[in-house]
Amino acid sequence: MHSSKETDDCQWAQRVNHVWIVRNRLDDNAAAWLQYLSQRDDPRLVDCCRAARRMCELRPKYVDPKPWFYSGLFSLATHDEARNFLADHLVTLAAVPAMSDDEKLEGRIAGISPEIRRLIVILRQTLTKL
């Protein structure tokens, strides 16, 4: 049985994902990710929701919380899961720890703006501290 805090983290993550306006249906992919974990009774569900909440808390004030939230939410995805759920979401895909040694992804990142590359580095560093 999950504790009240664990349930709160999961409900919070679902609620936040549901209300945000995002690009390329990232909200739908995130909902599918949560459903995927839930259907498998995967213990990562609680940990991912908790990581999403914690990343939002750790982000600098007045910074868009979405990249922080989604990087936390997908932080425990495997390489294949990340590729499946995040194919059209480069920043979140690049932040997933399991993707850190993907050479194709690193090539794609090299072609984006320095500001976005810095954000990816910061998200990766923050995830390692959770």
N, C-alpha and C. Protein backbone atom coordinates (compact mmCIF):
# COMPACT_ATOMS: atom_id res chain seq x y z
N MET A 1 0.85 -1.19 0.00
CA MET A 1 0.00 0.00 0.00
C MET A 1 0.88 1.24 0.00
N HIS A 2 0.53 2.21 -0.80
CA HIS A 2 1.29 3.45 -0.87
C HIS A 2 0.89 4.38 0.27
N SER A 3 1.87 5.12 0.74
CA SER A 3 1.58 6.09 1.79
C SER A 3 0.82 7.27 1.21
N SER A 4 0.27 8.08 2.08
CA SER A 4 -0.47 9.26 1.66
C SER A 4 0.43 10.22 0.87
N LYS A 5 1.67 10.38 1.31
CA LYS A 5 2.60 11.27 0.62
C LYS A 5 2.88 10.77 -0.80
N GLU A 6 3.05 9.45 -0.96
CA GLU A 6 3.28 8.89 -2.29
C GLU A 6 2.07 9.13 -3.19
N THR A 7 0.89 8.90 -2.67
CA THR A 7 -0.34 9.12 -3.43
C THR A 7 -0.46 10.59 -3.78
N ASP A 8 -0.16 11.47 -2.85
CA ASP A 8 -0.19 12.91 -3.11
C ASP A 8 0.75 13.29 -4.24
N ASP A 9 1.97 12.74 -4.25
CA ASP A 9 2.94 13.05 -5.30
C ASP A 9 2.42 12.62 -6.66
N CYS A 10 1.82 11.45 -6.74
CA CYS A 10 1.30 10.95 -8.01
C CYS A 10 0.08 11.76 -8.47
N GLN A 11 -0.80 12.07 -7.56
CA GLN A 11 -1.97 12.88 -7.92
C GLN A 11 -1.53 14.28 -8.35
N TRP A 12 -0.56 14.82 -7.64
CA TRP A 12 -0.02 16.14 -8.00
C TRP A 12 0.55 16.11 -9.40
N ALA A 13 1.36 15.11 -9.71
CA ALA A 13 2.00 15.02 -11.02
C ALA A 13 0.95 14.89 -12.13
N GLN A 14 -0.06 14.08 -11.90
CA GLN A 14 -1.12 13.93 -12.90
C GLN A 14 -1.88 15.23 -13.10
N ARG A 15 -2.18 15.90 -12.01
CA ARG A 15 -2.91 17.17 -12.09
C ARG A 15 -2.10 18.23 -12.83
N VAL A 16 -0.83 18.36 -12.48
CA VAL A 16 0.03 19.35 -13.13
C VAL A 16 0.14 19.04 -14.62
N ASN A 17 0.40 17.80 -14.96
CA ASN A 17 0.52 17.42 -16.37
C ASN A 17 -0.76 17.75 -17.14
N HIS A 18 -1.88 17.56 -16.50
CA HIS A 18 -3.18 17.76 -17.15
C HIS A 18 -3.47 19.24 -17.46
N VAL A 19 -2.98 20.14 -16.64
CA VAL A 19 -3.36 21.55 -16.81
C VAL A 19 -2.37 22.37 -17.65
N TRP A 20 -1.18 21.88 -17.83
CA TRP A 20 -0.21 22.66 -18.59
C TRP A 20 -0.43 22.54 -20.09
N ILE A 21 -0.14 23.61 -20.78
CA ILE A 21 -0.15 23.61 -22.25
C ILE A 21 1.29 23.37 -22.68
N VAL A 22 1.50 22.31 -23.44
CA VAL A 22 2.84 21.93 -23.87
C VAL A 22 2.84 21.64 -25.37
N ARG A 23 4.03 21.53 -25.92
CA ARG A 23 4.19 21.28 -27.35
C ARG A 23 4.21 19.78 -27.66
N ASN A 24 3.85 19.49 -28.89
CA ASN A 24 3.99 18.14 -29.45
C ASN A 24 3.39 17.05 -28.57
N ARG A 25 2.31 17.38 -27.88
CA ARG A 25 1.56 16.39 -27.07
C ARG A 25 2.40 15.76 -25.96
N LEU A 26 3.33 16.51 -25.42
CA LEU A 26 4.13 15.99 -24.31
C LEU A 26 3.24 15.59 -23.14
N ASP A 27 2.16 16.33 -22.92
CA ASP A 27 1.23 15.98 -21.84
C ASP A 27 0.60 14.61 -22.08
N ASP A 28 0.25 14.31 -23.31
CA ASP A 28 -0.31 12.99 -23.64
C ASP A 28 0.74 11.89 -23.44
N ASN A 29 1.97 12.17 -23.85
CA ASN A 29 3.04 11.18 -23.67
C ASN A 29 3.32 10.95 -22.20
N ALA A 30 3.28 12.02 -21.42
CA ALA A 30 3.50 11.88 -19.97
C ALA A 30 2.36 11.09 -19.33
N ALA A 31 1.14 11.35 -19.73
CA ALA A 31 0.01 10.59 -19.21
C ALA A 31 0.15 9.11 -19.58
N ALA A 32 0.60 8.85 -20.79
CA ALA A 32 0.81 7.46 -21.22
C ALA A 32 1.94 6.81 -20.42
N TRP A 33 2.98 7.57 -20.10
CA TRP A 33 4.08 7.08 -19.28
C TRP A 33 3.57 6.71 -17.88
N LEU A 34 2.79 7.57 -17.29
CA LEU A 34 2.25 7.29 -15.96
C LEU A 34 1.33 6.07 -15.99
N GLN A 35 0.52 5.97 -17.03
CA GLN A 35 -0.36 4.81 -17.16
C GLN A 35 0.46 3.53 -17.37
N TYR A 36 1.48 3.61 -18.18
CA TYR A 36 2.38 2.47 -18.43
C TYR A 36 2.97 1.96 -17.12
N LEU A 37 3.48 2.88 -16.30
CA LEU A 37 4.05 2.48 -15.01
C LEU A 37 2.98 1.92 -14.07
N SER A 38 1.83 2.55 -14.05
CA SER A 38 0.74 2.12 -13.18
C SER A 38 0.24 0.72 -13.55
N GLN A 39 0.06 0.48 -14.82
CA GLN A 39 -0.45 -0.82 -15.27
C GLN A 39 0.51 -1.96 -14.93
N ARG A 40 1.78 -1.65 -14.84
CA ARG A 40 2.77 -2.66 -14.52
C ARG A 40 3.05 -2.74 -13.02
N ASP A 41 2.32 -1.92 -12.26
CA ASP A 41 2.56 -1.82 -10.82
C ASP A 41 4.05 -1.59 -10.56
N ASP A 42 4.62 -0.73 -11.37
CA ASP A 42 6.05 -0.44 -11.34
C ASP A 42 6.35 0.54 -10.20
N PRO A 43 7.26 0.18 -9.30
CA PRO A 43 7.57 1.09 -8.19
C PRO A 43 8.18 2.41 -8.64
N ARG A 44 8.64 2.47 -9.87
CA ARG A 44 9.19 3.74 -10.38
C ARG A 44 8.12 4.81 -10.49
N LEU A 45 6.86 4.43 -10.54
CA LEU A 45 5.78 5.41 -10.66
C LEU A 45 5.88 6.46 -9.55
N VAL A 46 5.94 6.01 -8.33
CA VAL A 46 6.00 6.93 -7.19
C VAL A 46 7.30 7.73 -7.23
N ASP A 47 8.40 7.06 -7.53
CA ASP A 47 9.69 7.75 -7.56
C ASP A 47 9.75 8.81 -8.66
N CYS A 48 9.16 8.52 -9.81
CA CYS A 48 9.14 9.50 -10.90
C CYS A 48 8.27 10.71 -10.56
N CYS A 49 7.13 10.45 -9.96
CA CYS A 49 6.25 11.56 -9.56
C CYS A 49 6.92 12.41 -8.48
N ARG A 50 7.57 11.76 -7.56
CA ARG A 50 8.30 12.48 -6.51
C ARG A 50 9.45 13.30 -7.13
N ALA A 51 10.14 12.73 -8.09
CA ALA A 51 11.24 13.44 -8.76
C ALA A 51 10.71 14.65 -9.52
N ALA A 52 9.56 14.51 -10.16
CA ALA A 52 8.97 15.65 -10.88
C ALA A 52 8.67 16.80 -9.93
N ARG A 53 8.10 16.45 -8.80
CA ARG A 53 7.77 17.47 -7.80
C ARG A 53 9.04 18.13 -7.25
N ARG A 54 10.02 17.30 -6.96
CA ARG A 54 11.28 17.81 -6.39
C ARG A 54 12.01 18.70 -7.40
N MET A 55 12.00 18.32 -8.66
CA MET A 55 12.66 19.15 -9.67
C MET A 55 11.99 20.52 -9.76
N CYS A 56 10.68 20.56 -9.66
CA CYS A 56 9.98 21.85 -9.68
C CYS A 56 10.37 22.69 -8.48
N GLU A 57 10.55 22.05 -7.34
CA GLU A 57 10.96 22.77 -6.13
C GLU A 57 12.39 23.29 -6.24
N LEU A 58 13.24 22.57 -6.94
CA LEU A 58 14.65 22.94 -7.04
C LEU A 58 14.95 23.96 -8.14
N ARG A 59 14.03 24.14 -9.04
CA ARG A 59 14.29 25.07 -10.16
C ARG A 59 14.43 26.49 -9.64
N PRO A 60 15.22 27.28 -10.34
CA PRO A 60 15.32 28.68 -9.95
C PRO A 60 13.97 29.38 -10.07
N LYS A 61 13.74 30.31 -9.18
CA LYS A 61 12.51 31.08 -9.19
C LYS A 61 12.38 31.80 -10.53
N TYR A 62 11.17 31.93 -11.02
CA TYR A 62 10.85 32.62 -12.26
C TYR A 62 11.37 31.91 -13.51
N VAL A 63 11.68 30.63 -13.39
CA VAL A 63 12.10 29.82 -14.54
C VAL A 63 10.95 28.88 -14.88
N ASP A 64 10.71 28.69 -16.15
CA ASP A 64 9.65 27.80 -16.61
C ASP A 64 9.79 26.43 -15.95
N PRO A 65 8.78 25.98 -15.23
CA PRO A 65 8.89 24.70 -14.52
C PRO A 65 8.74 23.48 -15.42
N LYS A 66 8.22 23.63 -16.62
CA LYS A 66 7.91 22.47 -17.44
C LYS A 66 9.12 21.57 -17.74
N PRO A 67 10.24 22.11 -18.19
CA PRO A 67 11.38 21.21 -18.44
C PRO A 67 11.84 20.49 -17.16
N TRP A 68 11.72 21.16 -16.05
CA TRP A 68 12.10 20.58 -14.76
C TRP A 68 11.14 19.46 -14.38
N PHE A 69 9.87 19.72 -14.51
CA PHE A 69 8.85 18.73 -14.19
C PHE A 69 9.01 17.48 -15.05
N TYR A 70 9.06 17.67 -16.37
CA TYR A 70 9.09 16.52 -17.27
C TYR A 70 10.42 15.76 -17.18
N SER A 71 11.51 16.43 -16.93
CA SER A 71 12.76 15.70 -16.77
C SER A 71 12.71 14.83 -15.51
N GLY A 72 12.09 15.33 -14.46
CA GLY A 72 11.91 14.52 -13.26
C GLY A 72 10.96 13.36 -13.48
N LEU A 73 9.88 13.64 -14.19
CA LEU A 73 8.86 12.62 -14.42
C LEU A 73 9.42 11.43 -15.22
N PHE A 74 10.29 11.70 -16.15
CA PHE A 74 10.87 10.64 -16.98
C PHE A 74 12.26 10.23 -16.52
N SER A 75 12.69 10.68 -15.39
CA SER A 75 14.06 10.48 -14.95
C SER A 75 14.48 9.02 -14.79
N LEU A 76 13.54 8.14 -14.55
CA LEU A 76 13.87 6.73 -14.34
C LEU A 76 13.52 5.86 -15.55
N ALA A 77 13.21 6.49 -16.66
CA ALA A 77 12.93 5.74 -17.88
C ALA A 77 14.20 5.06 -18.37
N THR A 78 14.05 3.88 -18.91
CA THR A 78 15.17 3.21 -19.56
C THR A 78 15.43 3.89 -20.90
N HIS A 79 16.52 3.53 -21.52
CA HIS A 79 16.85 4.07 -22.84
C HIS A 79 15.69 3.83 -23.82
N ASP A 80 15.20 2.61 -23.88
CA ASP A 80 14.12 2.28 -24.81
C ASP A 80 12.82 2.99 -24.45
N GLU A 81 12.51 3.08 -23.17
CA GLU A 81 11.30 3.79 -22.75
C GLU A 81 11.39 5.27 -23.10
N ALA A 82 12.54 5.86 -22.86
CA ALA A 82 12.72 7.28 -23.18
C ALA A 82 12.56 7.51 -24.68
N ARG A 83 13.17 6.67 -25.48
CA ARG A 83 13.03 6.78 -26.93
C ARG A 83 11.56 6.65 -27.35
N ASN A 84 10.85 5.74 -26.73
CA ASN A 84 9.46 5.50 -27.08
C ASN A 84 8.56 6.67 -26.69
N PHE A 85 8.69 7.15 -25.48
CA PHE A 85 7.78 8.18 -24.97
C PHE A 85 8.21 9.61 -25.31
N LEU A 86 9.48 9.81 -25.62
CA LEU A 86 10.00 11.17 -25.77
C LEU A 86 10.65 11.45 -27.13
N ALA A 87 10.31 10.69 -28.13
CA ALA A 87 10.95 10.83 -29.44
C ALA A 87 10.87 12.26 -29.98
N ASP A 88 9.80 12.96 -29.70
CA ASP A 88 9.61 14.33 -30.23
C ASP A 88 9.89 15.41 -29.19
N HIS A 89 10.60 15.06 -28.12
CA HIS A 89 10.80 16.00 -27.02
C HIS A 89 12.27 16.02 -26.62
N LEU A 90 13.06 16.71 -27.41
CA LEU A 90 14.51 16.65 -27.32
C LEU A 90 15.05 17.03 -25.94
N VAL A 91 14.57 18.09 -25.35
CA VAL A 91 15.12 18.54 -24.07
C VAL A 91 14.87 17.49 -22.99
N THR A 92 13.64 17.01 -22.89
CA THR A 92 13.34 16.00 -21.88
C THR A 92 14.10 14.72 -22.17
N LEU A 93 14.12 14.30 -23.41
CA LEU A 93 14.85 13.09 -23.80
C LEU A 93 16.32 13.21 -23.41
N ALA A 94 16.91 14.35 -23.68
CA ALA A 94 18.33 14.55 -23.38
C ALA A 94 18.61 14.58 -21.88
N ALA A 95 17.63 14.96 -21.09
CA ALA A 95 17.84 15.03 -19.64
C ALA A 95 17.76 13.67 -18.97
N VAL A 96 17.11 12.70 -19.59
CA VAL A 96 16.93 11.37 -19.00
C VAL A 96 18.30 10.72 -18.80
N PRO A 97 18.63 10.35 -17.57
CA PRO A 97 19.95 9.76 -17.30
C PRO A 97 20.31 8.57 -18.19
N ALA A 98 19.33 7.73 -18.52
CA ALA A 98 19.61 6.55 -19.34
C ALA A 98 20.04 6.92 -20.76
N MET A 99 19.85 8.17 -21.14
CA MET A 99 20.21 8.61 -22.48
C MET A 99 21.58 9.27 -22.54
N SER A 100 22.27 9.33 -21.42
CA SER A 100 23.52 10.10 -21.33
C SER A 100 24.62 9.64 -22.27
N ASP A 101 24.59 8.39 -22.71
CA ASP A 101 25.66 7.92 -23.59
C ASP A 101 25.17 7.64 -25.01
N ASP A 102 24.03 8.20 -25.37
CA ASP A 102 23.47 8.00 -26.70
C ASP A 102 24.13 8.97 -27.67
N GLU A 103 24.96 8.47 -28.56
CA GLU A 103 25.73 9.32 -29.47
C GLU A 103 24.85 10.07 -30.46
N LYS A 104 23.79 9.42 -30.96
CA LYS A 104 22.88 10.10 -31.89
C LYS A 104 22.23 11.31 -31.21
N LEU A 105 21.82 11.11 -29.98
CA LEU A 105 21.19 12.19 -29.23
C LEU A 105 22.17 13.33 -29.01
N GLU A 106 23.38 13.00 -28.64
CA GLU A 106 24.39 14.05 -28.44
C GLU A 106 24.62 14.85 -29.72
N GLY A 107 24.55 14.19 -30.86
CA GLY A 107 24.67 14.90 -32.14
C GLY A 107 23.52 15.86 -32.37
N ARG A 108 22.32 15.44 -32.00
CA ARG A 108 21.15 16.33 -32.13
C ARG A 108 21.27 17.53 -31.19
N ILE A 109 21.75 17.29 -30.00
CA ILE A 109 21.88 18.38 -29.02
C ILE A 109 22.89 19.42 -29.50
N ALA A 110 23.93 18.96 -30.15
CA ALA A 110 24.96 19.89 -30.63
C ALA A 110 24.39 20.94 -31.58
N GLY A 111 23.28 20.63 -32.22
CA GLY A 111 22.70 21.55 -33.18
C GLY A 111 21.68 22.53 -32.62
N ILE A 112 21.49 22.55 -31.32
CA ILE A 112 20.50 23.48 -30.75
C ILE A 112 21.20 24.66 -30.08
N SER A 113 20.42 25.60 -29.67
CA SER A 113 20.97 26.84 -29.12
C SER A 113 21.78 26.60 -27.85
N PRO A 114 22.77 27.45 -27.60
CA PRO A 114 23.57 27.32 -26.37
C PRO A 114 22.72 27.39 -25.10
N GLU A 115 21.67 28.20 -25.11
CA GLU A 115 20.82 28.32 -23.93
C GLU A 115 20.11 27.01 -23.61
N ILE A 116 19.62 26.35 -24.63
CA ILE A 116 18.93 25.07 -24.42
C ILE A 116 19.94 24.00 -24.02
N ARG A 117 21.12 24.01 -24.61
CA ARG A 117 22.15 23.05 -24.20
C ARG A 117 22.51 23.25 -22.73
N ARG A 118 22.61 24.51 -22.29
CA ARG A 118 22.89 24.80 -20.87
C ARG A 118 21.77 24.27 -19.98
N LEU A 119 20.53 24.47 -20.41
CA LEU A 119 19.40 23.96 -19.64
C LEU A 119 19.49 22.44 -19.49
N ILE A 120 19.82 21.74 -20.56
CA ILE A 120 19.95 20.28 -20.50
C ILE A 120 21.02 19.88 -19.50
N VAL A 121 22.14 20.56 -19.52
CA VAL A 121 23.23 20.27 -18.57
C VAL A 121 22.75 20.48 -17.14
N ILE A 122 22.05 21.57 -16.90
CA ILE A 122 21.55 21.88 -15.55
C ILE A 122 20.53 20.83 -15.11
N LEU A 123 19.63 20.44 -16.00
CA LEU A 123 18.65 19.41 -15.66
C LEU A 123 19.34 18.10 -15.34
N ARG A 124 20.31 17.71 -16.14
CA ARG A 124 21.05 16.47 -15.88
C ARG A 124 21.75 16.53 -14.53
N GLN A 125 22.41 17.64 -14.24
CA GLN A 125 23.12 17.78 -12.98
C GLN A 125 22.17 17.73 -11.79
N THR A 126 21.04 18.38 -11.92
CA THR A 126 20.07 18.40 -10.83
C THR A 126 19.49 17.01 -10.59
N LEU A 127 19.21 16.29 -11.65
CA LEU A 127 18.67 14.93 -11.51
C LEU A 127 19.65 14.02 -10.76
N THR A 128 20.93 14.22 -10.95
CA THR A 128 21.90 13.37 -10.27
C THR A 128 21.91 13.63 -8.76
N LYS A 129 21.39 14.76 -8.33
CA LYS A 129 21.37 15.12 -6.91
C LYS A 129 20.11 14.64 -6.20
N LEU A 130 19.14 14.13 -6.94
CA LEU A 130 17.89 13.69 -6.30
C LEU A 130 18.08 12.41 -5.53
